[in-house]
Amino acid sequence: MALVVAPEPPLDEWLAELDEQMQRSANFFAQRPVLVDLSALAGQEAAFPALLDRLEASGLRLIGVEGADPATLGSETWARPPLLGTGRPDRGIEVPDDPQKPAAAPEPTALLHEGPVRSGQFIISERGELTVIGSVASGAEVIAGGSLHIYGTLRGRAVAGLLGRPGARIFCRRLEAELVAIGGLYKTADDIDPRLRGRAVQIWLEGDVMMMEALD
């Protein structure tokens, strides 16, 4: 599933923070498809071509751009549909129903994983919620289109709101995470309040701010 990066002004500072994040959490970005949301850079269209080249040169595997007019991107490379969208929510493409094909079964709204998620494992509930009855080890990753519920220690990486759902939350019994992300916003271990480490925590978004609160 694609990660979303959303550059913000001032660009030099944002790029420096991204470089630091990539150095600290290289495995999180490695070979992951990345979608660039340029909607926060209105009025800076002249910088878009150089910015996209810079992001690609940094090692990100860009698959598309949204939040910008194709004419401002400087290259047809970034304007190819369906890679260009106009907003953060659902980026799927509607395909007309084929009367000769049976209707697809509805996708599950939740996934339950019983047991630990070990280092190197990758568990995803693309469109629904994900519940893990166990701990998430360092080097493991759990991802949900909706909210994440972890009934154990979260040491690895947790991503909720995969499809741009800002109402998604992350709940865990013990917070020791390498990275947590909701709706394209993230915090690494260095950004997490030390007072919340080792405690039951819920994580959510208020606008463009990631909030964290102890549950015990």
N, C-alpha and C. Protein backbone atom coordinates (compact mmCIF):
# COMPACT_ATOMS: atom_id res chain seq x y z
N MET A 1 0.83 -1.19 0.00
CA MET A 1 0.00 0.00 0.00
C MET A 1 0.87 1.24 0.00
N ALA A 2 0.39 2.28 -0.68
CA ALA A 2 1.17 3.50 -0.81
C ALA A 2 1.19 4.29 0.49
N LEU A 3 2.35 4.84 0.78
CA LEU A 3 2.48 5.84 1.83
C LEU A 3 2.20 7.20 1.22
N VAL A 4 1.76 8.13 2.04
CA VAL A 4 1.49 9.48 1.59
C VAL A 4 2.47 10.42 2.27
N VAL A 5 3.19 11.21 1.46
CA VAL A 5 4.01 12.28 2.03
C VAL A 5 3.42 13.60 1.57
N ALA A 6 3.35 14.56 2.48
CA ALA A 6 2.69 15.84 2.20
C ALA A 6 3.65 16.98 2.52
N PRO A 7 4.44 17.43 1.56
CA PRO A 7 5.38 18.52 1.80
C PRO A 7 4.67 19.78 2.28
N GLU A 8 5.35 20.49 3.20
CA GLU A 8 4.80 21.72 3.76
C GLU A 8 5.88 22.80 3.73
N PRO A 9 5.47 24.05 3.65
CA PRO A 9 6.46 25.13 3.74
C PRO A 9 6.92 25.31 5.19
N PRO A 10 8.18 25.74 5.39
CA PRO A 10 9.23 25.96 4.38
C PRO A 10 9.81 24.63 3.91
N LEU A 11 9.98 24.49 2.62
CA LEU A 11 10.35 23.22 2.02
C LEU A 11 11.72 22.72 2.49
N ASP A 12 12.67 23.64 2.65
CA ASP A 12 14.01 23.21 3.07
C ASP A 12 13.96 22.50 4.42
N GLU A 13 13.18 23.05 5.35
CA GLU A 13 13.06 22.41 6.66
C GLU A 13 12.33 21.08 6.56
N TRP A 14 11.27 21.04 5.75
CA TRP A 14 10.51 19.80 5.61
C TRP A 14 11.38 18.70 5.00
N LEU A 15 12.17 19.06 3.98
CA LEU A 15 13.04 18.06 3.35
C LEU A 15 14.12 17.57 4.32
N ALA A 16 14.63 18.48 5.14
CA ALA A 16 15.65 18.07 6.12
C ALA A 16 15.05 17.09 7.13
N GLU A 17 13.81 17.35 7.56
CA GLU A 17 13.15 16.44 8.50
C GLU A 17 12.89 15.10 7.85
N LEU A 18 12.50 15.11 6.57
CA LEU A 18 12.27 13.85 5.87
C LEU A 18 13.56 13.05 5.76
N ASP A 19 14.67 13.71 5.44
CA ASP A 19 15.95 13.01 5.35
C ASP A 19 16.31 12.36 6.68
N GLU A 20 16.09 13.08 7.79
CA GLU A 20 16.39 12.51 9.10
C GLU A 20 15.51 11.31 9.39
N GLN A 21 14.21 11.42 9.03
CA GLN A 21 13.29 10.32 9.25
C GLN A 21 13.69 9.10 8.43
N MET A 22 14.12 9.30 7.19
CA MET A 22 14.52 8.18 6.34
C MET A 22 15.77 7.51 6.88
N GLN A 23 16.65 8.30 7.50
CA GLN A 23 17.86 7.70 8.08
C GLN A 23 17.51 6.88 9.32
N ARG A 24 16.56 7.39 10.13
CA ARG A 24 16.20 6.69 11.37
C ARG A 24 15.36 5.45 11.10
N SER A 25 14.50 5.52 10.06
CA SER A 25 13.56 4.43 9.80
C SER A 25 13.64 4.01 8.34
N ALA A 26 14.83 3.63 7.91
CA ALA A 26 15.05 3.30 6.50
C ALA A 26 14.16 2.16 6.04
N ASN A 27 13.94 1.17 6.90
CA ASN A 27 13.14 0.01 6.50
C ASN A 27 11.69 0.36 6.25
N PHE A 28 11.21 1.43 6.91
CA PHE A 28 9.81 1.82 6.72
C PHE A 28 9.57 2.30 5.30
N PHE A 29 10.56 2.97 4.69
CA PHE A 29 10.39 3.52 3.35
C PHE A 29 10.90 2.60 2.25
N ALA A 30 11.71 1.62 2.61
CA ALA A 30 12.37 0.79 1.60
C ALA A 30 11.37 0.10 0.69
N GLN A 31 11.48 0.40 -0.60
CA GLN A 31 10.66 -0.23 -1.65
C GLN A 31 9.16 -0.04 -1.47
N ARG A 32 8.75 0.92 -0.62
CA ARG A 32 7.33 1.17 -0.44
C ARG A 32 6.87 2.22 -1.45
N PRO A 33 5.75 2.00 -2.14
CA PRO A 33 5.23 3.03 -3.06
C PRO A 33 4.81 4.27 -2.29
N VAL A 34 5.11 5.43 -2.85
CA VAL A 34 4.86 6.70 -2.17
C VAL A 34 4.03 7.62 -3.06
N LEU A 35 2.99 8.19 -2.50
CA LEU A 35 2.15 9.18 -3.17
C LEU A 35 2.44 10.54 -2.55
N VAL A 36 2.68 11.55 -3.40
CA VAL A 36 3.02 12.89 -2.93
C VAL A 36 1.79 13.78 -3.01
N ASP A 37 1.40 14.35 -1.86
CA ASP A 37 0.27 15.27 -1.78
C ASP A 37 0.80 16.70 -1.72
N LEU A 38 0.57 17.48 -2.79
CA LEU A 38 1.12 18.83 -2.89
C LEU A 38 0.11 19.91 -2.52
N SER A 39 -1.01 19.52 -1.94
CA SER A 39 -2.08 20.48 -1.70
C SER A 39 -1.70 21.58 -0.71
N ALA A 40 -0.69 21.34 0.15
CA ALA A 40 -0.29 22.35 1.13
C ALA A 40 0.66 23.39 0.54
N LEU A 41 1.02 23.22 -0.73
CA LEU A 41 2.01 24.11 -1.35
C LEU A 41 1.39 25.03 -2.40
N ALA A 42 0.15 25.43 -2.21
CA ALA A 42 -0.49 26.35 -3.15
C ALA A 42 0.33 27.62 -3.26
N GLY A 43 0.55 28.07 -4.49
CA GLY A 43 1.34 29.28 -4.73
C GLY A 43 2.81 29.00 -4.95
N GLN A 44 3.24 27.74 -4.78
CA GLN A 44 4.65 27.39 -4.98
C GLN A 44 4.81 26.40 -6.14
N GLU A 45 3.92 26.51 -7.13
CA GLU A 45 3.90 25.56 -8.23
C GLU A 45 5.22 25.50 -8.99
N ALA A 46 5.94 26.62 -9.04
CA ALA A 46 7.21 26.63 -9.78
C ALA A 46 8.23 25.67 -9.16
N ALA A 47 8.06 25.35 -7.90
CA ALA A 47 9.01 24.47 -7.22
C ALA A 47 8.68 22.99 -7.37
N PHE A 48 7.51 22.66 -7.93
CA PHE A 48 7.07 21.27 -7.96
C PHE A 48 8.02 20.34 -8.72
N PRO A 49 8.44 20.68 -9.96
CA PRO A 49 9.31 19.74 -10.69
C PRO A 49 10.59 19.42 -9.92
N ALA A 50 11.26 20.46 -9.38
CA ALA A 50 12.50 20.22 -8.65
C ALA A 50 12.24 19.42 -7.37
N LEU A 51 11.12 19.67 -6.72
CA LEU A 51 10.79 18.95 -5.50
C LEU A 51 10.59 17.47 -5.78
N LEU A 52 9.86 17.15 -6.85
CA LEU A 52 9.62 15.75 -7.17
C LEU A 52 10.91 15.05 -7.54
N ASP A 53 11.77 15.73 -8.29
CA ASP A 53 13.07 15.14 -8.63
C ASP A 53 13.89 14.91 -7.36
N ARG A 54 13.81 15.84 -6.44
CA ARG A 54 14.56 15.72 -5.18
C ARG A 54 14.06 14.53 -4.36
N LEU A 55 12.75 14.35 -4.29
CA LEU A 55 12.19 13.24 -3.54
C LEU A 55 12.58 11.91 -4.16
N GLU A 56 12.55 11.85 -5.48
CA GLU A 56 12.92 10.60 -6.15
C GLU A 56 14.41 10.31 -5.96
N ALA A 57 15.23 11.35 -6.01
CA ALA A 57 16.67 11.17 -5.83
C ALA A 57 17.01 10.72 -4.41
N SER A 58 16.15 11.04 -3.45
CA SER A 58 16.40 10.65 -2.06
C SER A 58 16.17 9.16 -1.83
N GLY A 59 15.58 8.49 -2.81
CA GLY A 59 15.36 7.05 -2.69
C GLY A 59 13.92 6.66 -2.54
N LEU A 60 13.00 7.63 -2.49
CA LEU A 60 11.58 7.29 -2.41
C LEU A 60 11.10 6.75 -3.75
N ARG A 61 10.24 5.74 -3.69
CA ARG A 61 9.69 5.15 -4.92
C ARG A 61 8.35 5.81 -5.22
N LEU A 62 8.38 6.93 -5.93
CA LEU A 62 7.17 7.69 -6.19
C LEU A 62 6.30 7.00 -7.23
N ILE A 63 5.00 6.89 -6.94
CA ILE A 63 4.08 6.32 -7.91
C ILE A 63 3.08 7.34 -8.43
N GLY A 64 3.03 8.52 -7.82
CA GLY A 64 2.08 9.50 -8.31
C GLY A 64 2.01 10.74 -7.44
N VAL A 65 1.21 11.69 -7.93
CA VAL A 65 1.09 13.00 -7.30
C VAL A 65 -0.38 13.36 -7.25
N GLU A 66 -0.78 14.05 -6.17
CA GLU A 66 -2.13 14.57 -6.08
C GLU A 66 -2.09 15.97 -5.49
N GLY A 67 -3.23 16.66 -5.62
CA GLY A 67 -3.31 18.01 -5.06
C GLY A 67 -2.65 19.06 -5.90
N ALA A 68 -2.47 18.78 -7.21
CA ALA A 68 -1.81 19.75 -8.09
C ALA A 68 -2.34 19.61 -9.51
N ASP A 69 -2.35 20.70 -10.24
CA ASP A 69 -2.72 20.69 -11.65
C ASP A 69 -1.59 20.04 -12.44
N PRO A 70 -1.89 19.08 -13.33
CA PRO A 70 -0.82 18.44 -14.11
C PRO A 70 0.07 19.43 -14.85
N ALA A 71 -0.49 20.58 -15.23
CA ALA A 71 0.29 21.55 -15.99
C ALA A 71 1.42 22.17 -15.16
N THR A 72 1.33 22.05 -13.83
CA THR A 72 2.35 22.65 -12.97
C THR A 72 3.49 21.69 -12.65
N LEU A 73 3.40 20.45 -13.10
CA LEU A 73 4.35 19.44 -12.65
C LEU A 73 5.60 19.34 -13.51
N GLY A 74 5.57 19.95 -14.69
CA GLY A 74 6.78 20.03 -15.48
C GLY A 74 7.12 18.81 -16.28
N SER A 75 6.35 17.72 -16.13
CA SER A 75 6.66 16.50 -16.86
C SER A 75 5.44 15.62 -16.92
N GLU A 76 5.24 14.98 -18.06
CA GLU A 76 4.11 14.06 -18.19
C GLU A 76 4.28 12.85 -17.28
N THR A 77 5.50 12.64 -16.80
CA THR A 77 5.74 11.51 -15.90
C THR A 77 4.82 11.54 -14.71
N TRP A 78 4.55 12.76 -14.18
CA TRP A 78 3.76 12.89 -12.97
C TRP A 78 2.30 13.13 -13.25
N ALA A 79 1.91 13.22 -14.50
CA ALA A 79 0.52 13.54 -14.82
C ALA A 79 -0.27 12.35 -15.34
N ARG A 80 0.32 11.17 -15.31
CA ARG A 80 -0.36 10.02 -15.88
C ARG A 80 -1.48 9.53 -14.97
N PRO A 81 -2.71 9.43 -15.47
CA PRO A 81 -3.76 8.82 -14.66
C PRO A 81 -3.48 7.33 -14.54
N PRO A 82 -3.91 6.64 -13.44
CA PRO A 82 -4.69 7.20 -12.35
C PRO A 82 -3.85 7.74 -11.21
N LEU A 83 -2.60 8.09 -11.47
CA LEU A 83 -1.71 8.48 -10.40
C LEU A 83 -1.96 9.89 -9.88
N LEU A 84 -2.71 10.70 -10.60
CA LEU A 84 -2.96 12.06 -10.16
C LEU A 84 -4.37 12.18 -9.63
N GLY A 85 -4.54 12.65 -8.43
CA GLY A 85 -5.85 12.82 -7.84
C GLY A 85 -6.05 14.25 -7.41
N THR A 86 -7.19 14.56 -6.80
CA THR A 86 -7.47 15.91 -6.37
C THR A 86 -7.68 16.01 -4.87
N GLY A 87 -7.58 14.91 -4.14
CA GLY A 87 -7.80 14.99 -2.70
C GLY A 87 -7.24 13.80 -1.99
N ARG A 88 -7.27 13.83 -0.63
CA ARG A 88 -6.67 12.78 0.15
C ARG A 88 -7.50 11.50 0.24
N PRO A 89 -8.86 11.56 0.33
CA PRO A 89 -9.59 10.32 0.53
C PRO A 89 -9.53 9.40 -0.68
N ASP A 90 -10.09 8.19 -0.49
CA ASP A 90 -10.13 7.11 -1.47
C ASP A 90 -9.55 7.43 -2.83
N ARG A 91 -8.46 6.72 -3.13
CA ARG A 91 -7.78 6.95 -4.40
C ARG A 91 -8.07 5.84 -5.41
N GLY A 92 -9.05 5.02 -5.13
CA GLY A 92 -9.38 3.94 -6.04
C GLY A 92 -10.00 4.45 -7.33
N ILE A 93 -10.00 3.61 -8.34
CA ILE A 93 -10.58 3.96 -9.64
C ILE A 93 -11.89 3.20 -9.79
N GLU A 94 -12.93 3.89 -10.16
CA GLU A 94 -14.21 3.22 -10.37
C GLU A 94 -14.19 2.49 -11.71
N VAL A 95 -14.57 1.24 -11.68
CA VAL A 95 -14.63 0.42 -12.89
C VAL A 95 -16.08 0.02 -13.10
N PRO A 96 -16.65 0.25 -14.29
CA PRO A 96 -18.05 -0.13 -14.53
C PRO A 96 -18.27 -1.61 -14.29
N ASP A 97 -19.44 -1.93 -13.76
CA ASP A 97 -19.77 -3.33 -13.53
C ASP A 97 -19.86 -4.09 -14.84
N ASP A 98 -19.34 -5.29 -14.83
CA ASP A 98 -19.42 -6.17 -16.00
C ASP A 98 -20.55 -7.16 -15.73
N PRO A 99 -21.66 -7.08 -16.50
CA PRO A 99 -22.79 -7.95 -16.22
C PRO A 99 -22.47 -9.43 -16.39
N GLN A 100 -21.36 -9.74 -17.10
CA GLN A 100 -21.01 -11.13 -17.31
C GLN A 100 -20.21 -11.71 -16.15
N LYS A 101 -19.78 -10.81 -15.23
CA LYS A 101 -18.99 -11.29 -14.10
C LYS A 101 -19.82 -11.23 -12.83
N PRO A 102 -19.69 -12.23 -11.97
CA PRO A 102 -20.43 -12.19 -10.71
C PRO A 102 -19.93 -11.05 -9.84
N ALA A 103 -20.83 -10.53 -9.01
CA ALA A 103 -20.44 -9.44 -8.12
C ALA A 103 -19.41 -9.93 -7.13
N ALA A 104 -18.41 -9.09 -6.88
CA ALA A 104 -17.36 -9.46 -5.93
C ALA A 104 -17.93 -9.51 -4.52
N ALA A 105 -17.40 -10.44 -3.74
CA ALA A 105 -17.83 -10.53 -2.35
C ALA A 105 -17.38 -9.29 -1.59
N PRO A 106 -18.19 -8.80 -0.66
CA PRO A 106 -17.79 -7.61 0.08
C PRO A 106 -16.52 -7.86 0.89
N GLU A 107 -15.68 -6.84 0.93
CA GLU A 107 -14.44 -6.96 1.67
C GLU A 107 -14.73 -6.95 3.18
N PRO A 108 -13.92 -7.69 3.93
CA PRO A 108 -14.14 -7.69 5.38
C PRO A 108 -13.89 -6.31 5.96
N THR A 109 -14.61 -5.98 7.02
CA THR A 109 -14.45 -4.68 7.65
C THR A 109 -13.46 -4.73 8.79
N ALA A 110 -13.00 -5.91 9.15
CA ALA A 110 -12.04 -6.02 10.25
C ALA A 110 -11.23 -7.30 10.09
N LEU A 111 -10.03 -7.27 10.64
CA LEU A 111 -9.16 -8.44 10.62
C LEU A 111 -8.66 -8.68 12.04
N LEU A 112 -8.72 -9.93 12.48
CA LEU A 112 -8.24 -10.31 13.81
C LEU A 112 -7.00 -11.18 13.64
N HIS A 113 -5.91 -10.76 14.26
CA HIS A 113 -4.67 -11.55 14.24
C HIS A 113 -4.39 -12.02 15.65
N GLU A 114 -4.43 -13.32 15.87
CA GLU A 114 -4.18 -13.88 17.20
C GLU A 114 -2.73 -14.31 17.30
N GLY A 115 -2.07 -13.80 18.33
CA GLY A 115 -0.67 -14.13 18.53
C GLY A 115 0.22 -12.94 18.22
N PRO A 116 1.51 -13.07 18.50
CA PRO A 116 2.44 -11.95 18.29
C PRO A 116 2.70 -11.71 16.80
N VAL A 117 3.11 -10.49 16.50
CA VAL A 117 3.60 -10.15 15.16
C VAL A 117 5.11 -10.03 15.29
N ARG A 118 5.83 -10.96 14.69
CA ARG A 118 7.27 -11.06 14.89
C ARG A 118 8.04 -10.12 13.97
N SER A 119 9.27 -9.87 14.34
CA SER A 119 10.13 -8.99 13.55
C SER A 119 10.18 -9.44 12.10
N GLY A 120 9.98 -8.51 11.19
CA GLY A 120 9.96 -8.83 9.76
C GLY A 120 8.59 -9.16 9.22
N GLN A 121 7.61 -9.42 10.11
CA GLN A 121 6.25 -9.69 9.65
C GLN A 121 5.53 -8.40 9.29
N PHE A 122 4.56 -8.54 8.38
CA PHE A 122 3.80 -7.41 7.86
C PHE A 122 2.34 -7.84 7.82
N ILE A 123 1.50 -7.24 8.69
CA ILE A 123 0.08 -7.58 8.77
C ILE A 123 -0.73 -6.36 8.34
N ILE A 124 -1.66 -6.57 7.40
CA ILE A 124 -2.43 -5.42 6.89
C ILE A 124 -3.91 -5.76 6.77
N SER A 125 -4.75 -4.84 7.20
CA SER A 125 -6.19 -4.86 6.93
C SER A 125 -6.45 -3.62 6.09
N GLU A 126 -6.46 -3.79 4.78
CA GLU A 126 -6.38 -2.66 3.86
C GLU A 126 -7.50 -1.65 4.04
N ARG A 127 -8.73 -2.13 4.21
CA ARG A 127 -9.86 -1.20 4.26
C ARG A 127 -10.60 -1.20 5.60
N GLY A 128 -10.27 -2.12 6.45
CA GLY A 128 -10.98 -2.20 7.72
C GLY A 128 -10.07 -1.99 8.91
N GLU A 129 -10.58 -2.38 10.08
CA GLU A 129 -9.80 -2.28 11.30
C GLU A 129 -8.95 -3.53 11.48
N LEU A 130 -7.92 -3.41 12.29
CA LEU A 130 -7.03 -4.54 12.58
C LEU A 130 -6.88 -4.65 14.09
N THR A 131 -7.13 -5.85 14.61
CA THR A 131 -6.94 -6.13 16.02
C THR A 131 -5.86 -7.20 16.16
N VAL A 132 -4.88 -6.93 16.99
CA VAL A 132 -3.80 -7.88 17.25
C VAL A 132 -3.88 -8.30 18.71
N ILE A 133 -4.13 -9.59 18.95
CA ILE A 133 -4.15 -10.11 20.31
C ILE A 133 -2.76 -10.66 20.58
N GLY A 134 -1.89 -9.77 20.97
CA GLY A 134 -0.50 -10.10 21.18
C GLY A 134 0.34 -8.84 20.98
N SER A 135 1.64 -9.00 21.01
CA SER A 135 2.56 -7.87 20.88
C SER A 135 3.08 -7.76 19.45
N VAL A 136 3.55 -6.56 19.12
CA VAL A 136 4.15 -6.28 17.81
C VAL A 136 5.63 -6.02 18.04
N ALA A 137 6.47 -6.89 17.52
CA ALA A 137 7.90 -6.83 17.80
C ALA A 137 8.58 -5.69 17.04
N SER A 138 9.74 -5.30 17.51
CA SER A 138 10.57 -4.35 16.79
C SER A 138 10.89 -4.92 15.41
N GLY A 139 10.74 -4.08 14.37
CA GLY A 139 10.98 -4.55 13.01
C GLY A 139 9.75 -5.13 12.34
N ALA A 140 8.63 -5.24 13.08
CA ALA A 140 7.37 -5.69 12.50
C ALA A 140 6.52 -4.47 12.14
N GLU A 141 5.51 -4.69 11.31
CA GLU A 141 4.66 -3.59 10.87
C GLU A 141 3.20 -4.04 10.80
N VAL A 142 2.30 -3.23 11.39
CA VAL A 142 0.86 -3.50 11.32
C VAL A 142 0.19 -2.27 10.72
N ILE A 143 -0.72 -2.51 9.77
CA ILE A 143 -1.33 -1.43 9.00
C ILE A 143 -2.81 -1.69 8.87
N ALA A 144 -3.61 -0.63 9.01
CA ALA A 144 -5.06 -0.76 8.88
C ALA A 144 -5.62 0.43 8.10
N GLY A 145 -6.66 0.14 7.31
CA GLY A 145 -7.39 1.23 6.67
C GLY A 145 -8.15 2.05 7.68
N GLY A 146 -8.60 1.39 8.76
CA GLY A 146 -9.30 2.07 9.85
C GLY A 146 -8.41 2.14 11.08
N SER A 147 -8.97 1.76 12.23
CA SER A 147 -8.23 1.86 13.49
C SER A 147 -7.44 0.58 13.77
N LEU A 148 -6.44 0.72 14.64
CA LEU A 148 -5.60 -0.38 15.08
C LEU A 148 -5.82 -0.62 16.57
N HIS A 149 -6.00 -1.88 16.95
CA HIS A 149 -6.16 -2.25 18.36
C HIS A 149 -5.10 -3.31 18.66
N ILE A 150 -4.17 -3.00 19.55
CA ILE A 150 -3.07 -3.90 19.85
C ILE A 150 -3.12 -4.26 21.33
N TYR A 151 -3.51 -5.50 21.63
CA TYR A 151 -3.63 -5.97 23.01
C TYR A 151 -2.31 -6.60 23.45
N GLY A 152 -1.29 -5.77 23.48
CA GLY A 152 0.04 -6.19 23.85
C GLY A 152 0.97 -5.00 23.70
N THR A 153 2.27 -5.27 23.67
CA THR A 153 3.26 -4.20 23.53
C THR A 153 3.47 -3.87 22.06
N LEU A 154 3.44 -2.60 21.74
CA LEU A 154 3.72 -2.14 20.38
C LEU A 154 5.15 -1.64 20.34
N ARG A 155 6.04 -2.46 19.75
CA ARG A 155 7.45 -2.07 19.61
C ARG A 155 7.80 -1.73 18.17
N GLY A 156 7.04 -2.22 17.22
CA GLY A 156 7.35 -1.99 15.81
C GLY A 156 6.69 -0.74 15.27
N ARG A 157 6.19 -0.83 14.03
CA ARG A 157 5.58 0.31 13.35
C ARG A 157 4.08 0.05 13.19
N ALA A 158 3.29 1.08 13.46
CA ALA A 158 1.83 0.98 13.38
C ALA A 158 1.30 2.12 12.52
N VAL A 159 0.52 1.75 11.49
CA VAL A 159 -0.04 2.74 10.57
C VAL A 159 -1.54 2.53 10.51
N ALA A 160 -2.31 3.55 10.88
CA ALA A 160 -3.77 3.51 10.82
C ALA A 160 -4.25 4.56 9.82
N GLY A 161 -5.53 4.45 9.40
CA GLY A 161 -6.07 5.42 8.46
C GLY A 161 -5.36 5.38 7.12
N LEU A 162 -5.07 4.17 6.66
CA LEU A 162 -4.27 4.01 5.44
C LEU A 162 -4.86 4.73 4.25
N LEU A 163 -6.18 4.74 4.11
CA LEU A 163 -6.82 5.35 2.95
C LEU A 163 -7.26 6.77 3.23
N GLY A 164 -6.54 7.46 4.08
CA GLY A 164 -6.83 8.86 4.34
C GLY A 164 -8.02 9.05 5.25
N ARG A 165 -8.19 8.19 6.24
CA ARG A 165 -9.30 8.31 7.20
C ARG A 165 -8.79 8.98 8.47
N PRO A 166 -8.97 10.29 8.61
CA PRO A 166 -8.42 11.00 9.76
C PRO A 166 -9.06 10.61 11.08
N GLY A 167 -10.24 9.96 11.04
CA GLY A 167 -10.89 9.54 12.28
C GLY A 167 -10.35 8.26 12.85
N ALA A 168 -9.41 7.60 12.15
CA ALA A 168 -8.84 6.35 12.64
C ALA A 168 -7.99 6.61 13.89
N ARG A 169 -7.90 5.59 14.75
CA ARG A 169 -7.11 5.70 15.97
C ARG A 169 -6.22 4.48 16.14
N ILE A 170 -5.22 4.64 16.97
CA ILE A 170 -4.34 3.54 17.36
C ILE A 170 -4.47 3.35 18.87
N PHE A 171 -4.76 2.12 19.28
CA PHE A 171 -4.84 1.79 20.70
C PHE A 171 -3.82 0.68 20.98
N CYS A 172 -3.07 0.81 22.04
CA CYS A 172 -2.16 -0.28 22.41
C CYS A 172 -2.06 -0.37 23.93
N ARG A 173 -1.77 -1.58 24.41
CA ARG A 173 -1.70 -1.81 25.86
C ARG A 173 -0.39 -1.28 26.43
N ARG A 174 0.68 -1.29 25.61
CA ARG A 174 1.98 -0.81 26.08
C ARG A 174 2.71 -0.19 24.90
N LEU A 175 3.05 1.09 24.99
CA LEU A 175 3.64 1.82 23.87
C LEU A 175 5.17 1.83 23.97
N GLU A 176 5.80 1.20 22.97
CA GLU A 176 7.25 1.22 22.82
C GLU A 176 7.59 1.33 21.33
N ALA A 177 6.79 2.07 20.59
CA ALA A 177 6.80 2.02 19.12
C ALA A 177 8.03 2.66 18.50
N GLU A 178 8.41 2.11 17.33
CA GLU A 178 9.42 2.74 16.48
C GLU A 178 8.81 3.89 15.68
N LEU A 179 7.56 3.68 15.26
CA LEU A 179 6.86 4.69 14.47
C LEU A 179 5.37 4.44 14.55
N VAL A 180 4.61 5.54 14.68
CA VAL A 180 3.14 5.46 14.59
C VAL A 180 2.69 6.49 13.56
N ALA A 181 1.68 6.15 12.76
CA ALA A 181 1.21 7.05 11.71
C ALA A 181 -0.30 6.91 11.55
N ILE A 182 -0.95 8.04 11.30
CA ILE A 182 -2.38 8.06 11.01
C ILE A 182 -2.62 9.04 9.87
N GLY A 183 -3.27 8.59 8.81
CA GLY A 183 -3.67 9.47 7.73
C GLY A 183 -2.53 10.25 7.10
N GLY A 184 -1.32 9.68 7.06
CA GLY A 184 -0.19 10.35 6.43
C GLY A 184 0.67 11.14 7.39
N LEU A 185 0.23 11.36 8.64
CA LEU A 185 1.05 12.02 9.66
C LEU A 185 1.70 10.95 10.52
N TYR A 186 2.93 11.19 10.94
CA TYR A 186 3.62 10.17 11.71
C TYR A 186 4.49 10.78 12.80
N LYS A 187 4.82 9.94 13.78
CA LYS A 187 5.80 10.27 14.80
C LYS A 187 6.73 9.07 14.95
N THR A 188 8.02 9.36 15.10
CA THR A 188 8.98 8.29 15.36
C THR A 188 9.21 8.18 16.86
N ALA A 189 10.02 7.21 17.23
CA ALA A 189 10.30 6.99 18.65
C ALA A 189 10.83 8.25 19.32
N ASP A 190 11.66 9.00 18.61
CA ASP A 190 12.25 10.21 19.19
C ASP A 190 11.22 11.31 19.43
N ASP A 191 10.09 11.26 18.71
CA ASP A 191 9.07 12.30 18.83
C ASP A 191 8.03 12.01 19.91
N ILE A 192 8.02 10.79 20.43
CA ILE A 192 6.99 10.38 21.38
C ILE A 192 7.36 10.83 22.79
N ASP A 193 6.41 11.41 23.49
CA ASP A 193 6.61 11.86 24.86
C ASP A 193 7.09 10.69 25.73
N PRO A 194 8.27 10.81 26.34
CA PRO A 194 8.79 9.70 27.17
C PRO A 194 7.84 9.29 28.29
N ARG A 195 6.98 10.22 28.73
CA ARG A 195 6.06 9.89 29.82
C ARG A 195 4.99 8.88 29.39
N LEU A 196 4.82 8.70 28.08
CA LEU A 196 3.82 7.75 27.59
C LEU A 196 4.41 6.37 27.32
N ARG A 197 5.72 6.27 27.34
CA ARG A 197 6.35 4.99 27.04
C ARG A 197 6.04 3.98 28.15
N GLY A 198 5.74 2.76 27.71
CA GLY A 198 5.43 1.70 28.65
C GLY A 198 4.02 1.74 29.19
N ARG A 199 3.18 2.62 28.65
CA ARG A 199 1.81 2.77 29.16
C ARG A 199 0.79 2.41 28.08
N ALA A 200 -0.44 2.14 28.52
CA ALA A 200 -1.55 1.97 27.59
C ALA A 200 -1.89 3.35 27.01
N VAL A 201 -2.01 3.42 25.69
CA VAL A 201 -2.13 4.71 25.02
C VAL A 201 -3.14 4.64 23.89
N GLN A 202 -3.82 5.76 23.63
CA GLN A 202 -4.58 5.92 22.40
C GLN A 202 -3.99 7.10 21.64
N ILE A 203 -4.04 7.00 20.30
CA ILE A 203 -3.43 8.00 19.42
C ILE A 203 -4.46 8.38 18.38
N TRP A 204 -4.62 9.67 18.14
CA TRP A 204 -5.60 10.13 17.17
C TRP A 204 -5.16 11.47 16.60
N LEU A 205 -5.90 11.95 15.58
CA LEU A 205 -5.60 13.23 14.96
C LEU A 205 -6.63 14.27 15.34
N GLU A 206 -6.14 15.48 15.58
CA GLU A 206 -7.00 16.65 15.68
C GLU A 206 -6.48 17.64 14.65
N GLY A 207 -7.17 17.69 13.50
CA GLY A 207 -6.66 18.48 12.38
C GLY A 207 -5.36 17.87 11.88
N ASP A 208 -4.30 18.68 11.85
CA ASP A 208 -2.99 18.21 11.41
C ASP A 208 -2.06 17.94 12.57
N VAL A 209 -2.62 17.68 13.74
CA VAL A 209 -1.81 17.42 14.94
C VAL A 209 -2.09 16.01 15.44
N MET A 210 -1.05 15.24 15.68
CA MET A 210 -1.22 13.91 16.24
C MET A 210 -1.26 14.01 17.76
N MET A 211 -2.32 13.48 18.35
CA MET A 211 -2.53 13.54 19.79
C MET A 211 -2.28 12.14 20.39
N MET A 212 -1.74 12.13 21.60
CA MET A 212 -1.52 10.89 22.33
C MET A 212 -1.96 11.07 23.77
N GLU A 213 -2.59 10.03 24.30
CA GLU A 213 -3.13 10.12 25.67
C GLU A 213 -3.03 8.76 26.33
N ALA A 214 -2.58 8.76 27.58
CA ALA A 214 -2.51 7.53 28.34
C ALA A 214 -3.92 7.07 28.71
N LEU A 215 -4.12 5.76 28.70
CA LEU A 215 -5.41 5.18 29.05
C LEU A 215 -5.44 4.62 30.46
N ASP A 216 -4.29 4.64 31.14
CA ASP A 216 -4.25 4.10 32.50
C ASP A 216 -3.99 5.20 33.52
